């Protein structure tokens, strides 16, 4: 009986001093693109480098630091076409790999190129050779994301501000 009580006490103590936190499903994670992307060069399935733009908290502690890299992919890419058809580009965040743990993400950003004035006139007159503009997603574009499911992560020590 004493051994069982000591064992339960040790388990309770370990849980209280644990440095892990649960990041719940649907937790918002602010990401941004690392490089410029354009429908002219991107292809469906291409991987895209993303970066976390704000510390992510769970259970009152930081679990993902600002600056952590994430991976996304081009979910849809269409270059410009004749008669003023604009380019289109869609990015989906996929995951963050952190300390051997994969954090699956969900969300997306869709951009459509604009049609030039000449291309708009080409649409009306149906003059071949006129094209719309490529869709562009510049570096630093916000990519909203959220966790797909609960994940347990180690907490990160809070660093004092640099002097």
C-alpha atoms as a PDB file:
ATOM      1  CA  UNK A   1       0.000   0.000   0.000  1.00  0.00           C
ATOM      2  CA  UNK A   2       2.839   2.412   0.860  1.00  0.00           C
ATOM      3  CA  UNK A   3       4.630   1.481  -2.360  1.00  0.00           C
ATOM      4  CA  UNK A   4       1.453   2.223  -4.335  1.00  0.00           C
ATOM      5  CA  UNK A   5       1.074   5.605  -2.582  1.00  0.00           C
ATOM      6  CA  UNK A   6       4.726   6.462  -3.216  1.00  0.00           C
ATOM      7  CA  UNK A   7       4.350   5.419  -6.844  1.00  0.00           C
ATOM      8  CA  UNK A   8       1.210   7.575  -7.270  1.00  0.00           C
ATOM      9  CA  UNK A   9       2.991  10.479  -5.587  1.00  0.00           C
ATOM     10  CA  UNK A  10       5.984  10.118  -7.894  1.00  0.00           C
ATOM     11  CA  UNK A  11       3.692  10.057 -10.924  1.00  0.00           C
ATOM     12  CA  UNK A  12       1.904  13.204  -9.710  1.00  0.00           C
ATOM     13  CA  UNK A  13       5.229  14.934  -9.101  1.00  0.00           C
ATOM     14  CA  UNK A  14       6.506  13.994 -12.570  1.00  0.00           C
ATOM     15  CA  UNK A  15       3.342  15.371 -14.167  1.00  0.00           C
ATOM     16  CA  UNK A  16       3.660  18.640 -12.226  1.00  0.00           C
ATOM     17  CA  UNK A  17       7.279  19.215 -13.263  1.00  0.00           C
ATOM     18  CA  UNK A  18       6.848  18.059 -16.852  1.00  0.00           C
ATOM     19  CA  UNK A  19       8.110  20.429 -19.536  1.00  0.00           C
ATOM     20  CA  UNK A  20       5.594  19.283 -22.134  1.00  0.00           C
ATOM     21  CA  UNK A  21       2.393  20.994 -23.235  1.00  0.00           C
ATOM     22  CA  UNK A  22      -0.468  19.937 -25.472  1.00  0.00           C
ATOM     23  CA  UNK A  23      -0.983  22.078 -28.546  1.00  0.00           C
ATOM     24  CA  UNK A  24      -4.694  21.577 -29.329  1.00  0.00           C
ATOM     25  CA  UNK A  25      -6.172  20.898 -32.768  1.00  0.00           C
ATOM     26  CA  UNK A  26      -7.187  24.075 -34.625  1.00  0.00           C
ATOM     27  CA  UNK A  27      -4.590  26.225 -32.853  1.00  0.00           C
ATOM     28  CA  UNK A  28      -3.795  29.142 -35.161  1.00  0.00           C
ATOM     29  CA  UNK A  29      -0.189  29.444 -36.301  1.00  0.00           C
ATOM     30  CA  UNK A  30       0.971  32.566 -38.135  1.00  0.00           C
ATOM     31  CA  UNK A  31       3.227  31.680 -41.063  1.00  0.00           C
ATOM     32  CA  UNK A  32       4.702  33.642 -43.947  1.00  0.00           C
ATOM     33  CA  UNK A  33       6.418  32.798 -47.199  1.00  0.00           C
ATOM     34  CA  UNK A  34      10.212  32.805 -47.253  1.00  0.00           C
ATOM     35  CA  UNK A  35      10.704  33.497 -50.969  1.00  0.00           C
ATOM     36  CA  UNK A  36       8.787  35.188 -53.797  1.00  0.00           C
ATOM     37  CA  UNK A  37       6.457  32.821 -55.652  1.00  0.00           C
ATOM     38  CA  UNK A  38       4.857  33.281 -59.063  1.00  0.00           C
ATOM     39  CA  UNK A  39       2.434  31.248 -61.139  1.00  0.00           C
ATOM     40  CA  UNK A  40       4.934  31.575 -63.983  1.00  0.00           C
ATOM     41  CA  UNK A  41       7.493  29.338 -62.229  1.00  0.00           C
ATOM     42  CA  UNK A  42       5.532  27.368 -59.621  1.00  0.00           C
ATOM     43  CA  UNK A  43       4.078  23.923 -60.299  1.00  0.00           C
ATOM     44  CA  UNK A  44       1.428  21.973 -58.444  1.00  0.00           C
ATOM     45  CA  UNK A  45       3.114  19.799 -55.806  1.00  0.00           C
ATOM     46  CA  UNK A  46       6.236  22.000 -55.398  1.00  0.00           C
ATOM     47  CA  UNK A  47       7.291  22.375 -51.773  1.00  0.00           C
ATOM     48  CA  UNK A  48       7.423  25.899 -50.357  1.00  0.00           C
ATOM     49  CA  UNK A  49       9.470  27.158 -47.404  1.00  0.00           C
ATOM     50  CA  UNK A  50       7.414  28.945 -44.745  1.00  0.00           C
ATOM     51  CA  UNK A  51       8.395  30.475 -41.410  1.00  0.00           C
ATOM     52  CA  UNK A  52       6.509  30.902 -38.115  1.00  0.00           C
ATOM     53  CA  UNK A  53       6.039  34.659 -37.535  1.00  0.00           C
ATOM     54  CA  UNK A  54       4.888  34.614 -33.881  1.00  0.00           C
ATOM     55  CA  UNK A  55       5.706  32.401 -30.898  1.00  0.00           C
ATOM     56  CA  UNK A  56       3.048  29.703 -30.406  1.00  0.00           C
ATOM     57  CA  UNK A  57       1.822  29.131 -26.863  1.00  0.00           C
ATOM     58  CA  UNK A  58       0.159  26.087 -25.272  1.00  0.00           C
ATOM     59  CA  UNK A  59      -0.687  25.578 -21.607  1.00  0.00           C
ATOM     60  CA  UNK A  60       0.864  28.983 -20.847  1.00  0.00           C
ATOM     61  CA  UNK A  61       4.264  28.133 -22.342  1.00  0.00           C
ATOM     62  CA  UNK A  62       6.001  28.656 -25.683  1.00  0.00           C
ATOM     63  CA  UNK A  63       6.021  25.430 -27.715  1.00  0.00           C
ATOM     64  CA  UNK A  64       7.000  26.782 -31.156  1.00  0.00           C
ATOM     65  CA  UNK A  65       9.394  29.707 -31.476  1.00  0.00           C
ATOM     66  CA  UNK A  66       9.059  32.535 -33.964  1.00  0.00           C
ATOM     67  CA  UNK A  67      11.469  31.796 -36.841  1.00  0.00           C
ATOM     68  CA  UNK A  68      10.820  28.042 -36.883  1.00  0.00           C
ATOM     69  CA  UNK A  69      10.651  26.745 -40.448  1.00  0.00           C
ATOM     70  CA  UNK A  70       7.536  25.074 -41.834  1.00  0.00           C
ATOM     71  CA  UNK A  71       6.786  23.321 -45.118  1.00  0.00           C
ATOM     72  CA  UNK A  72       3.953  24.100 -47.497  1.00  0.00           C
ATOM     73  CA  UNK A  73       3.168  23.115 -51.050  1.00  0.00           C
ATOM     74  CA  UNK A  74       1.747  24.581 -54.196  1.00  0.00           C
ATOM     75  CA  UNK A  75      -1.786  23.151 -54.276  1.00  0.00           C
ATOM     76  CA  UNK A  76      -2.733  24.827 -57.559  1.00  0.00           C
ATOM     77  CA  UNK A  77      -0.722  26.723 -60.161  1.00  0.00           C
ATOM     78  CA  UNK A  78      -1.920  28.078 -63.474  1.00  0.00           C
ATOM     79  CA  UNK A  79       0.132  30.442 -65.600  1.00  0.00           C
ATOM     80  CA  UNK A  80      -1.367  33.202 -67.697  1.00  0.00           C
ATOM     81  CA  UNK A  81      -3.265  32.350 -70.839  1.00  0.00           C
ATOM     82  CA  UNK A  82      -4.590  33.953 -73.994  1.00  0.00           C
ATOM     83  CA  UNK A  83      -7.462  36.427 -73.991  1.00  0.00           C
ATOM     84  CA  UNK A  84      -6.475  37.982 -70.666  1.00  0.00           C
ATOM     85  CA  UNK A  85      -6.580  34.860 -68.525  1.00  0.00           C
ATOM     86  CA  UNK A  86      -4.745  35.649 -65.294  1.00  0.00           C
ATOM     87  CA  UNK A  87      -2.403  33.319 -63.471  1.00  0.00           C
ATOM     88  CA  UNK A  88      -3.539  31.594 -60.272  1.00  0.00           C
ATOM     89  CA  UNK A  89      -1.572  30.243 -57.343  1.00  0.00           C
ATOM     90  CA  UNK A  90      -2.682  28.444 -54.165  1.00  0.00           C
ATOM     91  CA  UNK A  91      -0.409  27.549 -51.239  1.00  0.00           C
ATOM     92  CA  UNK A  92      -1.295  25.103 -48.475  1.00  0.00           C
ATOM     93  CA  UNK A  93       0.752  24.767 -45.284  1.00  0.00           C
ATOM     94  CA  UNK A  94       1.641  21.113 -44.645  1.00  0.00           C
ATOM     95  CA  UNK A  95       3.678  20.664 -41.477  1.00  0.00           C
ATOM     96  CA  UNK A  96       6.273  21.844 -38.997  1.00  0.00           C
ATOM     97  CA  UNK A  97       8.990  19.367 -38.031  1.00  0.00           C
ATOM     98  CA  UNK A  98      10.079  20.086 -34.451  1.00  0.00           C
ATOM     99  CA  UNK A  99      12.313  17.941 -32.230  1.00  0.00           C
ATOM    100  CA  UNK A 100      11.353  14.771 -34.099  1.00  0.00           C
ATOM    101  CA  UNK A 101       7.634  15.583 -33.952  1.00  0.00           C
ATOM    102  CA  UNK A 102       5.603  16.376 -37.059  1.00  0.00           C
ATOM    103  CA  UNK A 103       2.902  18.985 -36.507  1.00  0.00           C
ATOM    104  CA  UNK A 104       0.358  18.637 -39.340  1.00  0.00           C
ATOM    105  CA  UNK A 105      -1.192  21.910 -40.540  1.00  0.00           C
ATOM    106  CA  UNK A 106      -4.250  23.016 -42.473  1.00  0.00           C
ATOM    107  CA  UNK A 107      -5.168  26.245 -44.266  1.00  0.00           C
ATOM    108  CA  UNK A 108      -4.449  27.916 -47.608  1.00  0.00           C
ATOM    109  CA  UNK A 109      -3.844  31.171 -49.487  1.00  0.00           C
ATOM    110  CA  UNK A 110      -5.051  31.791 -53.032  1.00  0.00           C
ATOM    111  CA  UNK A 111      -3.798  34.585 -55.316  1.00  0.00           C
ATOM    112  CA  UNK A 112      -4.993  35.542 -58.766  1.00  0.00           C
ATOM    113  CA  UNK A 113      -3.111  37.801 -61.151  1.00  0.00           C
ATOM    114  CA  UNK A 114      -4.801  40.932 -62.463  1.00  0.00           C
ATOM    115  CA  UNK A 115      -5.764  41.577 -66.035  1.00  0.00           C
ATOM    116  CA  UNK A 116      -3.918  44.403 -67.803  1.00  0.00           C
ATOM    117  CA  UNK A 117      -5.912  47.136 -69.549  1.00  0.00           C
ATOM    118  CA  UNK A 118      -4.629  45.884 -72.914  1.00  0.00           C
ATOM    119  CA  UNK A 119      -5.669  42.355 -72.059  1.00  0.00           C
ATOM    120  CA  UNK A 120      -9.130  43.540 -71.028  1.00  0.00           C
ATOM    121  CA  UNK A 121      -9.510  45.260 -74.397  1.00  0.00           C
ATOM    122  CA  UNK A 122      -8.231  42.058 -76.017  1.00  0.00           C
ATOM    123  CA  UNK A 123     -11.043  40.182 -74.294  1.00  0.00           C
ATOM    124  CA  UNK A 124     -13.656  42.429 -75.783  1.00  0.00           C
ATOM    125  CA  UNK A 125     -12.195  42.420 -79.280  1.00  0.00           C
ATOM    126  CA  UNK A 126     -10.947  38.802 -78.942  1.00  0.00           C
ATOM    127  CA  UNK A 127      -7.494  39.671 -80.194  1.00  0.00           C
ATOM    128  CA  UNK A 128      -5.184  36.661 -79.702  1.00  0.00           C
ATOM    129  CA  UNK A 129      -1.859  37.138 -77.959  1.00  0.00           C
ATOM    130  CA  UNK A 130      -3.138  39.244 -75.054  1.00  0.00           C
ATOM    131  CA  UNK A 131      -2.525  37.667 -71.668  1.00  0.00           C
ATOM    132  CA  UNK A 132      -3.307  38.433 -68.062  1.00  0.00           C
ATOM    133  CA  UNK A 133      -0.681  38.794 -65.367  1.00  0.00           C
ATOM    134  CA  UNK A 134       0.997  36.080 -63.364  1.00  0.00           C
ATOM    135  CA  UNK A 135      -0.197  35.530 -59.826  1.00  0.00           C
ATOM    136  CA  UNK A 136       2.501  36.647 -57.389  1.00  0.00           C
ATOM    137  CA  UNK A 137       2.957  35.849 -53.729  1.00  0.00           C
ATOM    138  CA  UNK A 138       5.863  37.923 -52.409  1.00  0.00           C
ATOM    139  CA  UNK A 139       8.207  36.813 -49.631  1.00  0.00           C
ATOM    140  CA  UNK A 140       6.683  37.713 -46.278  1.00  0.00           C
ATOM    141  CA  UNK A 141       3.080  37.061 -47.358  1.00  0.00           C
ATOM    142  CA  UNK A 142       0.989  35.868 -44.406  1.00  0.00           C
ATOM    143  CA  UNK A 143      -0.155  32.257 -44.676  1.00  0.00           C
ATOM    144  CA  UNK A 144      -2.801  31.449 -42.055  1.00  0.00           C
ATOM    145  CA  UNK A 145      -2.559  27.934 -40.690  1.00  0.00           C
ATOM    146  CA  UNK A 146      -3.956  25.832 -37.874  1.00  0.00           C
ATOM    147  CA  UNK A 147      -2.948  22.553 -36.301  1.00  0.00           C
ATOM    148  CA  UNK A 148      -4.788  19.548 -37.699  1.00  0.00           C
ATOM    149  CA  UNK A 149      -4.838  17.552 -34.442  1.00  0.00           C
ATOM    150  CA  UNK A 150      -3.657  17.704 -30.833  1.00  0.00           C
ATOM    151  CA  UNK A 151       0.086  17.279 -30.389  1.00  0.00           C
ATOM    152  CA  UNK A 152       2.229  17.095 -27.252  1.00  0.00           C
ATOM    153  CA  UNK A 153       5.361  19.248 -27.454  1.00  0.00           C
ATOM    154  CA  UNK A 154       8.209  20.172 -25.130  1.00  0.00           C
ATOM    155  CA  UNK A 155       8.048  23.740 -23.869  1.00  0.00           C
ATOM    156  CA  UNK A 156      10.730  26.241 -24.843  1.00  0.00           C
ATOM    157  CA  UNK A 157      12.532  28.242 -22.137  1.00  0.00           C
ATOM    158  CA  UNK A 158      11.568  31.897 -22.309  1.00  0.00           C
ATOM    159  CA  UNK A 159      14.578  33.998 -23.228  1.00  0.00           C
ATOM    160  CA  UNK A 160      14.975  37.453 -21.720  1.00  0.00           C
ATOM    161  CA  UNK A 161      14.860  40.349 -24.198  1.00  0.00           C
ATOM    162  CA  UNK A 162      18.206  41.240 -25.767  1.00  0.00           C
ATOM    163  CA  UNK A 163      19.811  44.319 -24.281  1.00  0.00           C
END
